[in-house]
Amino acid sequence: MPGVVADSVVNLCGAIGLAVAAAMLHRRDPRGPLTARLVTLLALVAALFLLRGIAWWTGNAALDRVSLIPAALIPLGALLVTEGLLRRHADRRLKLAALLGGLVLALAGALGPVELENEHTAVLSAFQLAGFAVCALLLLRRDRGSLLAWENRAIDRVAFGALIVIPFIITDFRVLAPDMPVRLGALGALLAVTAILIAGAGAEAQRQGVWLTLLRMSGAALLGAAAAALSADVDAAQLLRFCAVAMAGVLTIGLLGDALRAVLEAREPGVLDSIGASGAATRDELIAELTRQPIFESARRYREASLAAYDPPLLRDFLASRRVLRRADAPWGQAATDPAVERMVALMAARHATHVIVLSHEPVDLIILAVSVIAADPATETALALVRRLLVQAPETP
């Protein structure tokens, strides 16, 4: 019974996570030629996990047999995605084998005699693994020169995701892994789509995504181990079940959180979006537009005349090679007793500022602002640097 519950929960989490991933991919590029194929494959696998999860949870044998239909069609879906990635049709015989083999196994699984269930499972597992192997071979033997650089990177991401998921798929077949205490195919699929979504970001975002995923997985494993320790009779099998359920749940929640954050961020224009849509023509008008954004609401412009108390001639050389000053970086590579550093620290303290944007060092022209610790992250620092470049290029008068 514990094994059945664990299998059901992991599969239900997989169904939710893959459905969210499909929605995220569709939202990113709804009209892309590859998007429809990827979304179809993810929907097919999500349907498999959903049907399995419900069937195992309720003990519904008929629904369990129906779940074999999407399972048998997965190799065909994988081949269609491979075609989309390579931008060329696969051999007609391969597609015919994937189609006919999938239909025969789907009908045999749903309507065939129960006595042949083990034989059907063995053939289905071999069919799925062969399908994945063929797709991997097509991707590996591709002509890289005929594809764009980003297309080759996309293929590498999908191949990496496939490598992650294959060992987990084997555990779903009792014929291949009879002693596994929990089926991990859905957990492998969650890891694969998470890896693919992470790989679609920039280099820095990829590193952050990898560390975040490792943190989520480690935390989930510790949570599962802690939950298992609360049980009276716990063994290695039960420990693995608790950890698998916890990791599947955390990965699914992570995908849901990422999707919700993307939707909310799209509804509220960012700093650069607001400036791009603004009709502001001068530097002061742009600054006024910026102050409507939360991170810039404290921003004030200070020209040389208003900085007389801080000895502008002394600040000029200090500011000549600097663009954005952070209070946390003081003394900015200089001695703390340097007169220019002392005046800049005093200026930031008097204005309760965390950042100073240098528009000009001669004459001294600064934007001084305080960024909340909640909003202080690498994205904010990047926005400040980009905003400075826009302000420097903006004219003083129309």
Protein backbone atom coordinates (compact mmCIF):
# COMPACT_ATOMS: atom_id res chain seq x y z
CA MET A 1 0.00 0.00 0.00
CA PRO A 2 2.72 2.61 0.77
CA GLY A 3 4.29 1.87 -2.60
CA VAL A 4 1.00 2.43 -4.42
CA VAL A 5 0.43 5.76 -2.66
CA ALA A 6 3.97 6.93 -3.41
CA ASP A 7 3.64 5.90 -7.08
CA SER A 8 0.33 7.75 -7.35
CA VAL A 9 1.55 10.97 -5.75
CA VAL A 10 4.74 11.09 -7.83
CA ASN A 11 2.75 10.57 -11.03
CA LEU A 12 0.14 13.19 -10.14
CA CYS A 13 2.92 15.67 -9.42
CA GLY A 14 4.49 14.78 -12.76
CA ALA A 15 1.20 15.40 -14.56
CA ILE A 16 0.80 18.84 -12.98
CA GLY A 17 4.44 19.82 -13.54
CA LEU A 18 4.48 18.80 -17.20
CA ALA A 19 1.18 20.57 -17.85
CA VAL A 20 2.66 23.75 -16.35
CA ALA A 21 5.85 23.34 -18.43
CA ALA A 22 3.77 22.92 -21.59
CA ALA A 23 1.84 26.10 -20.76
CA MET A 24 5.11 27.99 -20.14
CA LEU A 25 6.58 26.88 -23.48
CA HIS A 26 3.37 27.79 -25.32
CA ARG A 27 3.34 31.21 -23.68
CA ARG A 28 6.95 31.88 -24.68
CA ASP A 29 6.42 31.14 -28.38
CA PRO A 30 2.78 30.29 -29.17
CA ARG A 31 3.24 30.25 -32.96
CA GLY A 32 6.63 28.55 -33.12
CA PRO A 33 6.80 25.49 -35.40
CA LEU A 34 8.54 23.46 -32.68
CA THR A 35 6.29 24.65 -29.86
CA ALA A 36 3.25 22.67 -31.02
CA ARG A 37 5.28 19.45 -31.19
CA LEU A 38 6.83 19.95 -27.75
CA VAL A 39 3.52 20.90 -26.16
CA THR A 40 1.84 17.86 -27.74
CA LEU A 41 4.52 15.52 -26.39
CA LEU A 42 4.38 17.06 -22.91
CA ALA A 43 0.57 16.87 -22.93
CA LEU A 44 0.76 13.21 -23.94
CA VAL A 45 3.17 12.36 -21.12
CA ALA A 46 1.16 14.45 -18.64
CA ALA A 47 -2.00 12.52 -19.62
CA LEU A 48 -0.13 9.26 -19.00
CA PHE A 49 0.95 10.35 -15.53
CA LEU A 50 -2.50 11.69 -14.67
CA LEU A 51 -4.30 8.50 -15.72
CA ARG A 52 -1.75 6.33 -13.92
CA GLY A 53 -1.87 8.40 -10.76
CA ILE A 54 -5.66 8.28 -10.54
CA ALA A 55 -5.84 4.60 -11.51
CA TRP A 56 -3.29 3.49 -8.93
CA TRP A 57 -4.75 5.70 -6.21
CA THR A 58 -8.30 4.40 -6.75
CA GLY A 59 -7.39 0.86 -7.78
CA ASN A 60 -9.22 1.31 -11.08
CA ALA A 61 -7.88 -1.43 -13.38
CA ALA A 62 -9.80 -0.14 -16.43
CA LEU A 63 -8.27 3.34 -16.12
CA ASP A 64 -4.84 1.77 -15.67
CA ARG A 65 -5.27 -0.02 -18.99
CA VAL A 66 -6.44 3.19 -20.69
CA SER A 67 -3.20 4.84 -19.55
CA LEU A 68 -1.32 2.44 -21.83
CA ILE A 69 -2.67 4.36 -24.85
CA PRO A 70 -0.62 7.55 -24.29
CA ALA A 71 2.30 5.38 -23.11
CA ALA A 72 2.37 3.59 -26.47
CA LEU A 73 2.19 6.85 -28.45
CA ILE A 74 5.13 8.54 -26.68
CA PRO A 75 7.77 7.23 -29.16
CA LEU A 76 5.76 8.77 -32.02
CA GLY A 77 5.59 12.08 -30.16
CA ALA A 78 9.33 11.95 -29.49
CA LEU A 79 10.02 11.31 -33.19
CA LEU A 80 7.85 14.29 -34.21
CA VAL A 81 9.78 16.54 -31.79
CA THR A 82 13.04 15.20 -33.24
CA GLU A 83 11.84 16.12 -36.73
CA GLY A 84 11.01 19.62 -35.54
CA LEU A 85 14.42 20.04 -33.95
CA LEU A 86 16.24 18.86 -37.09
CA ARG A 87 13.93 20.76 -39.48
CA ARG A 88 13.68 17.75 -41.73
CA HIS A 89 11.47 14.68 -41.99
CA ALA A 90 12.57 11.39 -40.55
CA ASP A 91 12.64 8.29 -42.73
CA ARG A 92 9.08 7.31 -43.70
CA ARG A 93 9.68 3.77 -42.44
CA LEU A 94 10.60 5.06 -38.98
CA LYS A 95 7.43 7.15 -38.76
CA LEU A 96 5.32 4.26 -39.99
CA ALA A 97 6.89 1.92 -37.42
CA ALA A 98 6.33 4.45 -34.62
CA LEU A 99 2.72 5.04 -35.71
CA LEU A 100 1.69 1.44 -36.32
CA GLY A 101 3.65 0.11 -33.35
CA GLY A 102 2.10 2.72 -31.10
CA LEU A 103 -1.44 2.01 -32.31
CA VAL A 104 -1.05 -1.77 -31.99
CA LEU A 105 0.40 -1.53 -28.48
CA ALA A 106 -2.21 1.04 -27.46
CA LEU A 107 -5.09 -1.19 -28.58
CA ALA A 108 -3.47 -4.30 -27.14
CA GLY A 109 -2.95 -2.59 -23.80
CA ALA A 110 -6.46 -1.18 -23.58
CA LEU A 111 -8.42 -4.09 -25.08
CA GLY A 112 -6.11 -7.11 -25.05
CA PRO A 113 -6.38 -10.08 -22.66
CA VAL A 114 -5.28 -9.45 -19.09
CA GLU A 115 -3.36 -12.72 -19.09
CA LEU A 116 -0.81 -11.18 -21.47
CA GLU A 117 -0.20 -8.09 -19.34
CA ASN A 118 3.39 -8.99 -18.48
CA GLU A 119 4.25 -9.76 -22.09
CA HIS A 120 2.66 -6.48 -23.20
CA THR A 121 4.63 -4.55 -20.59
CA ALA A 122 7.89 -6.10 -21.79
CA VAL A 123 7.15 -5.26 -25.44
CA LEU A 124 6.01 -1.72 -24.54
CA SER A 125 9.16 -1.03 -22.53
CA ALA A 126 11.33 -2.29 -25.39
CA PHE A 127 9.34 -0.19 -27.88
CA GLN A 128 9.71 2.98 -25.79
CA LEU A 129 13.43 2.52 -25.17
CA ALA A 130 14.02 1.72 -28.85
CA GLY A 131 12.10 4.83 -29.84
CA PHE A 132 14.21 7.01 -27.54
CA ALA A 133 17.40 5.37 -28.82
CA VAL A 134 16.45 6.07 -32.45
CA CYS A 135 15.65 9.71 -31.66
CA ALA A 136 18.95 10.09 -29.82
CA LEU A 137 20.81 8.58 -32.77
CA LEU A 138 19.12 10.98 -35.21
CA LEU A 139 20.05 13.95 -33.02
CA LEU A 140 23.65 12.82 -32.58
CA ARG A 141 24.16 12.20 -36.31
CA ARG A 142 22.68 15.54 -37.36
CA ASP A 143 24.45 17.89 -39.74
CA ARG A 144 25.40 20.72 -37.38
CA GLY A 145 26.39 22.97 -40.26
CA SER A 146 22.82 22.98 -41.64
CA LEU A 147 21.40 24.30 -38.37
CA LEU A 148 21.73 27.65 -36.67
CA ALA A 149 23.80 27.96 -33.50
CA TRP A 150 20.73 28.37 -31.28
CA GLU A 151 19.13 25.31 -32.90
CA ASN A 152 22.19 23.20 -32.08
CA ARG A 153 22.03 24.47 -28.50
CA ALA A 154 18.32 23.59 -28.29
CA ILE A 155 19.04 20.06 -29.51
CA ASP A 156 21.79 19.70 -26.91
CA ARG A 157 19.32 20.77 -24.20
CA VAL A 158 16.69 18.26 -25.29
CA ALA A 159 19.32 15.51 -25.56
CA PHE A 160 20.52 16.35 -22.05
CA GLY A 161 16.94 16.16 -20.77
CA ALA A 162 16.47 12.79 -22.48
CA LEU A 163 19.62 11.42 -20.87
CA ILE A 164 18.28 12.49 -17.48
CA VAL A 165 14.91 10.83 -17.92
CA ILE A 166 15.84 7.44 -19.43
CA PRO A 167 17.15 5.78 -16.21
CA PHE A 168 14.01 6.95 -14.41
CA ILE A 169 11.72 5.53 -17.12
CA ILE A 170 13.19 2.07 -16.61
CA THR A 171 11.90 2.05 -13.02
CA ASP A 172 8.32 2.42 -14.32
CA PHE A 173 8.44 -1.09 -15.77
CA ARG A 174 8.30 -3.79 -13.13
CA VAL A 175 9.63 -6.24 -15.71
CA LEU A 176 12.89 -4.26 -15.89
CA ALA A 177 13.10 -3.10 -12.27
CA PRO A 178 11.03 -5.48 -10.12
CA ASP A 179 12.59 -4.47 -6.80
CA MET A 180 12.15 -0.68 -7.06
CA PRO A 181 10.07 0.54 -4.09
CA VAL A 182 8.71 3.51 -6.07
CA ARG A 183 8.35 4.28 -9.77
CA LEU A 184 10.44 7.31 -10.70
CA GLY A 185 9.49 7.98 -14.32
CA ALA A 186 7.44 11.07 -13.44
CA LEU A 187 10.25 12.41 -11.24
CA GLY A 188 12.69 11.99 -14.14
CA ALA A 189 10.31 13.85 -16.46
CA LEU A 190 10.09 16.73 -13.98
CA LEU A 191 13.88 16.91 -13.81
CA ALA A 192 14.11 16.84 -17.62
CA VAL A 193 11.66 19.69 -18.24
CA THR A 194 13.26 21.70 -15.45
CA ALA A 195 16.67 21.23 -17.09
CA ILE A 196 15.29 22.22 -20.52
CA LEU A 197 13.63 25.37 -19.15
CA ILE A 198 16.82 26.32 -17.29
CA ALA A 199 18.97 25.76 -20.38
CA GLY A 200 16.77 28.16 -22.34
CA ALA A 201 17.96 31.10 -20.22
CA GLY A 202 21.17 33.14 -20.37
CA ALA A 203 24.46 31.92 -18.94
CA GLU A 204 24.08 33.66 -15.59
CA ALA A 205 20.43 32.65 -15.28
CA GLN A 206 21.41 29.06 -16.10
CA ARG A 207 23.90 28.97 -13.25
CA GLN A 208 21.33 30.44 -10.88
CA GLY A 209 18.72 27.95 -12.10
CA VAL A 210 21.04 24.98 -11.59
CA TRP A 211 21.94 26.07 -8.05
CA LEU A 212 18.28 26.75 -7.25
CA THR A 213 17.26 23.31 -8.54
CA LEU A 214 20.04 21.62 -6.55
CA LEU A 215 18.90 23.52 -3.47
CA ARG A 216 15.30 22.47 -4.04
CA MET A 217 16.27 18.83 -4.55
CA SER A 218 18.56 18.74 -1.51
CA GLY A 219 15.95 20.41 0.67
CA ALA A 220 13.27 18.03 -0.57
CA ALA A 221 15.46 14.99 0.10
CA LEU A 222 16.14 16.19 3.64
CA LEU A 223 12.43 16.87 4.13
CA GLY A 224 11.59 13.37 2.91
CA ALA A 225 14.19 11.83 5.18
CA ALA A 226 12.85 13.82 8.15
CA ALA A 227 9.28 12.70 7.38
CA ALA A 228 10.44 9.08 7.11
CA ALA A 229 12.16 9.36 10.49
CA LEU A 230 8.77 10.14 12.06
CA SER A 231 7.46 6.73 11.02
CA ALA A 232 7.64 3.89 13.50
CA ASP A 233 8.92 1.28 11.05
CA VAL A 234 11.14 2.83 8.43
CA ASP A 235 13.45 0.98 6.08
CA ALA A 236 15.42 1.89 2.95
CA ALA A 237 12.42 1.37 0.67
CA GLN A 238 10.20 3.63 2.76
CA LEU A 239 12.94 6.26 2.94
CA LEU A 240 13.22 6.27 -0.87
CA ARG A 241 9.45 6.64 -1.19
CA PHE A 242 9.34 9.64 1.15
CA CYS A 243 12.25 11.31 -0.65
CA ALA A 244 10.73 10.67 -4.11
CA VAL A 245 7.38 12.14 -3.08
CA ALA A 246 9.03 15.18 -1.51
CA MET A 247 11.27 15.84 -4.53
CA ALA A 248 8.40 15.45 -7.01
CA GLY A 249 6.27 17.83 -4.96
CA VAL A 250 9.01 20.44 -4.62
CA LEU A 251 9.86 20.37 -8.34
CA THR A 252 6.18 20.74 -9.22
CA ILE A 253 5.74 23.65 -6.83
CA GLY A 254 8.91 25.22 -8.28
CA LEU A 255 7.49 25.02 -11.81
CA LEU A 256 4.17 26.46 -10.63
CA GLY A 257 5.98 29.32 -8.86
CA ASP A 258 8.14 30.10 -11.89
CA ALA A 259 5.12 30.12 -14.18
CA LEU A 260 3.10 32.38 -11.87
CA ARG A 261 6.02 34.79 -11.46
CA ALA A 262 6.43 35.03 -15.25
CA VAL A 263 2.72 35.83 -15.67
CA LEU A 264 2.74 38.49 -12.94
CA GLU A 265 5.94 40.10 -14.26
CA ALA A 266 4.45 40.28 -17.75
CA ARG A 267 1.37 42.09 -16.45
CA GLU A 268 3.43 44.79 -14.73
CA PRO A 269 5.87 46.56 -17.08
CA GLY A 270 9.46 46.72 -15.87
CA VAL A 271 11.71 49.73 -15.74
CA LEU A 272 13.05 49.43 -19.29
CA ASP A 273 9.59 48.61 -20.68
CA SER A 274 8.17 51.75 -19.09
CA ILE A 275 10.95 53.92 -20.50
CA GLY A 276 10.56 52.35 -23.95
CA ALA A 277 6.82 53.10 -23.96
CA SER A 278 7.28 56.58 -22.51
CA GLY A 279 7.04 59.77 -24.54
CA ALA A 280 9.70 61.48 -22.41
CA ALA A 281 12.12 63.46 -24.57
CA THR A 282 14.53 65.07 -22.07
CA ARG A 283 16.68 63.83 -19.21
CA ASP A 284 14.47 65.38 -16.53
CA GLU A 285 11.35 63.89 -18.13
CA LEU A 286 12.98 60.45 -18.15
CA ILE A 287 13.93 60.83 -14.50
CA ALA A 288 10.36 61.80 -13.68
CA GLU A 289 9.18 58.68 -15.53
CA LEU A 290 11.65 56.55 -13.60
CA THR A 291 10.43 57.76 -10.21
CA ARG A 292 7.11 56.02 -10.93
CA GLN A 293 8.95 52.69 -10.63
CA PRO A 294 9.31 51.24 -7.09
CA ILE A 295 13.11 50.92 -7.17
CA PHE A 296 13.51 54.51 -8.43
CA GLU A 297 10.86 56.27 -6.36
CA SER A 298 13.51 57.83 -4.09
CA ALA A 299 15.73 58.95 -7.01
CA ARG A 300 16.73 62.63 -7.02
CA ARG A 301 19.01 64.50 -9.39
CA TYR A 302 21.83 66.61 -7.91
CA ARG A 303 23.83 68.99 -10.10
CA GLU A 304 27.14 70.54 -9.15
CA ALA A 305 25.59 73.70 -7.73
CA SER A 306 23.56 71.75 -5.18
CA LEU A 307 26.64 69.76 -4.10
CA ALA A 308 28.79 72.72 -3.05
CA ALA A 309 29.05 71.43 0.52
CA TYR A 310 30.78 68.27 -0.76
CA ASP A 311 33.55 69.98 -2.75
CA PRO A 312 32.65 69.08 -6.37
CA PRO A 313 36.17 69.86 -7.74
CA LEU A 314 37.51 67.15 -5.39
CA LEU A 315 34.88 64.66 -6.56
CA ARG A 316 35.56 65.10 -10.28
CA ASP A 317 38.64 62.90 -10.56
CA PHE A 318 37.10 60.30 -8.25
CA LEU A 319 33.94 60.07 -10.37
CA ALA A 320 35.69 60.17 -13.76
CA SER A 321 36.14 56.37 -14.02
CA ARG A 322 32.95 55.34 -12.22
CA ARG A 323 29.43 54.75 -13.49
CA VAL A 324 27.33 53.46 -10.57
CA LEU A 325 28.46 53.53 -6.92
CA ARG A 326 27.06 51.11 -4.36
CA ARG A 327 27.24 52.00 -0.69
CA ALA A 328 28.08 48.36 0.07
CA ASP A 329 31.25 48.65 -2.06
CA ALA A 330 32.72 51.65 -0.20
CA PRO A 331 35.53 52.77 -0.27
CA TRP A 332 35.41 51.70 -3.94
CA GLY A 333 39.02 50.61 -4.23
CA GLN A 334 40.40 53.72 -2.52
CA ALA A 335 41.63 54.34 1.00
CA ALA A 336 38.81 54.97 3.45
CA THR A 337 40.55 58.20 4.49
CA ASP A 338 40.70 59.55 0.93
CA PRO A 339 39.01 63.00 0.98
CA ALA A 340 36.84 62.23 -2.06
CA VAL A 341 35.72 58.93 -0.52
CA GLU A 342 34.89 60.65 2.76
CA ARG A 343 32.75 63.22 0.97
CA MET A 344 30.95 60.61 -1.12
CA VAL A 345 30.23 58.50 1.98
CA ALA A 346 28.94 61.60 3.76
CA LEU A 347 26.74 62.49 0.77
CA MET A 348 25.20 59.01 0.64
CA ALA A 349 24.68 58.98 4.42
CA ALA A 350 22.99 62.39 4.36
CA ARG A 351 20.58 61.26 1.61
CA HIS A 352 20.12 57.74 3.09
CA ALA A 353 21.24 56.47 -0.31
CA THR A 354 22.38 53.02 -1.37
CA HIS A 355 23.38 53.93 -4.95
CA VAL A 356 24.74 56.89 -6.88
CA ILE A 357 24.42 57.00 -10.67
CA VAL A 358 27.10 59.18 -12.24
CA LEU A 359 25.67 61.06 -15.23
CA SER A 360 28.68 63.35 -15.56
CA HIS A 361 31.85 64.05 -13.58
CA GLU A 362 32.55 67.48 -15.09
CA PRO A 363 30.38 69.19 -14.17
CA VAL A 364 29.27 66.79 -11.42
CA ASP A 365 25.79 65.48 -12.17
CA LEU A 366 24.40 62.64 -10.06
CA ILE A 367 21.28 60.58 -9.48
CA ILE A 368 21.08 59.55 -5.82
CA LEU A 369 18.63 56.87 -4.73
CA ALA A 370 17.92 54.27 -2.07
CA VAL A 371 17.15 50.72 -3.20
CA SER A 372 15.31 48.55 -0.70
CA VAL A 373 17.19 45.48 0.47
CA ILE A 374 14.21 43.44 -0.79
CA ALA A 375 14.75 44.70 -4.34
CA ALA A 376 18.56 44.57 -4.25
CA ASP A 377 19.52 41.78 -6.63
CA PRO A 378 21.65 41.34 -9.78
CA ALA A 379 18.70 42.24 -12.03
CA THR A 380 18.33 45.58 -10.23
CA GLU A 381 22.04 46.33 -10.61
CA THR A 382 21.77 45.60 -14.33
CA ALA A 383 18.73 47.86 -14.62
CA LEU A 384 20.61 50.70 -12.91
CA ALA A 385 23.53 50.36 -15.34
CA LEU A 386 21.22 50.34 -18.37
CA VAL A 387 19.19 53.28 -17.08
CA ARG A 388 22.39 55.29 -16.67
CA ARG A 389 23.29 54.72 -20.32
CA LEU A 390 19.84 55.89 -21.40
CA LEU A 391 19.99 58.99 -19.21
CA VAL A 392 23.48 59.92 -20.40
CA GLN A 393 22.30 59.82 -24.00
CA ALA A 394 19.12 61.79 -23.31
CA PRO A 395 19.27 65.52 -24.21
CA GLU A 396 18.84 68.22 -21.57
CA THR A 397 16.39 70.12 -23.76
CA PRO A 398 13.97 68.94 -26.48
